[in-house]
Protein backbone atom coordinates (compact mmCIF):
# COMPACT_ATOMS: atom_id res chain seq x y z
CA MET A 1 4.07 -25.00 21.30
CA MET A 2 3.98 -22.86 18.17
CA ILE A 3 6.28 -20.17 17.16
CA MET A 4 4.69 -16.80 16.85
CA PRO A 5 5.83 -14.64 13.75
CA TYR A 6 7.84 -11.67 14.83
CA TYR A 7 5.36 -9.24 13.19
CA LEU A 8 2.74 -10.66 15.59
CA ILE A 9 5.02 -9.70 18.40
CA ILE A 10 6.76 -6.66 17.28
CA LYS A 11 5.45 -3.40 15.46
CA THR A 12 7.44 -2.02 13.18
CA LYS A 13 7.62 1.15 10.86
CA HIS A 14 9.14 -0.48 7.53
CA MET A 15 6.37 -2.60 6.72
CA ALA A 16 4.15 -2.45 3.64
CA GLN A 17 0.58 -0.53 3.63
CA GLN A 18 -1.26 -2.29 6.54
CA THR A 19 -4.92 -3.66 6.18
CA ALA A 20 -7.07 -2.48 8.69
CA VAL A 21 -7.32 -6.40 9.76
CA GLU A 22 -3.39 -6.38 10.17
CA TRP A 23 -3.42 -2.81 11.99
CA LEU A 24 -6.29 -4.32 14.67
CA ILE A 25 -3.94 -7.39 15.09
CA MET A 26 -1.38 -4.96 16.23
CA GLN A 27 -3.17 -2.67 18.74
CA LEU A 28 -4.49 -6.26 20.76
CA PRO A 29 -2.30 -7.15 23.62
CA VAL A 30 0.73 -9.63 22.85
CA LYS A 31 -1.29 -12.21 24.68
CA ILE A 32 -4.48 -12.19 22.48
CA ARG A 33 -2.14 -12.11 19.67
CA VAL A 34 -0.94 -15.48 20.55
CA GLU A 35 -4.39 -17.03 21.46
CA LEU A 36 -5.20 -15.37 17.44
CA TYR A 37 -2.24 -17.02 15.98
CA GLU A 38 -2.58 -20.32 17.35
CA GLN A 39 -5.97 -20.98 16.59
CA ASN A 40 -5.11 -19.38 13.23
CA ILE A 41 -7.94 -16.71 13.07
CA HIS A 42 -6.03 -13.80 12.23
CA GLU A 43 -4.86 -15.55 8.90
CA GLN A 44 -8.81 -16.28 8.27
CA ALA A 45 -9.36 -12.68 8.61
CA LYS A 46 -6.37 -11.46 6.59
CA GLN A 47 -7.51 -14.08 3.60
CA MET A 48 -11.55 -12.90 4.08
CA GLU A 49 -9.97 -9.17 3.84
CA LYS A 50 -7.81 -9.83 0.87
CA GLU A 51 -10.68 -10.92 -0.99
CA GLN A 52 -12.62 -8.18 0.22
CA ILE A 53 -10.33 -5.73 -1.17
CA ILE A 54 -9.95 -7.62 -4.19
CA GLU A 55 -13.17 -7.51 -4.63
CA ALA A 56 -13.84 -4.12 -4.58
CA TYR A 57 -11.13 -3.41 -6.30
CA LYS A 58 -12.32 -5.70 -9.12
CA TYR A 59 -15.82 -3.22 -9.10
CA GLY A 60 -14.76 0.53 -8.50
CA ASN A 61 -11.74 0.48 -10.77
CA GLN A 62 -13.01 -1.30 -13.68
CA SER A 63 -11.34 1.97 -16.01
CA ASP A 64 -7.89 0.77 -14.92
CA VAL A 65 -6.87 -2.35 -17.17
CA TYR A 66 -2.95 -1.86 -15.88
CA TYR A 67 -3.61 -3.82 -12.86
CA LYS A 68 -5.27 -7.20 -12.61
CA PRO A 69 -7.02 -7.18 -8.87
CA GLU A 70 -4.48 -9.72 -7.22
CA GLN A 71 -1.55 -7.93 -8.61
CA TYR A 72 -2.88 -4.81 -7.02
CA TYR A 73 -3.53 -6.27 -3.72
CA ASN A 74 -0.26 -7.84 -4.19
CA GLU A 75 1.92 -4.55 -5.21
CA THR A 76 -0.03 -2.53 -2.43
CA PHE A 77 0.03 -5.11 0.48
CA SER A 78 3.17 -6.86 0.00
CA ASN A 79 3.61 -8.30 3.29
CA ASN A 80 -0.08 -10.29 2.54
CA LYS A 81 0.47 -12.36 -0.15
């Protein structure tokens, strides 16, 4: 049996800013979260969303040279590195 990370079971108030995928996962019943975890679907969805956020930042914030897109994502969604 696989051990499921606590963040898929317990809702906490002290998490970094959540992505839409993470929020949606936390709204699901625990039984469904376990199934998503066991099939690695949640990680696939989070990776796809990460790529979309990075691409959107890259094309939507071209005037900001302070952050690289990957750096922006990691600093904004620090639990998602």
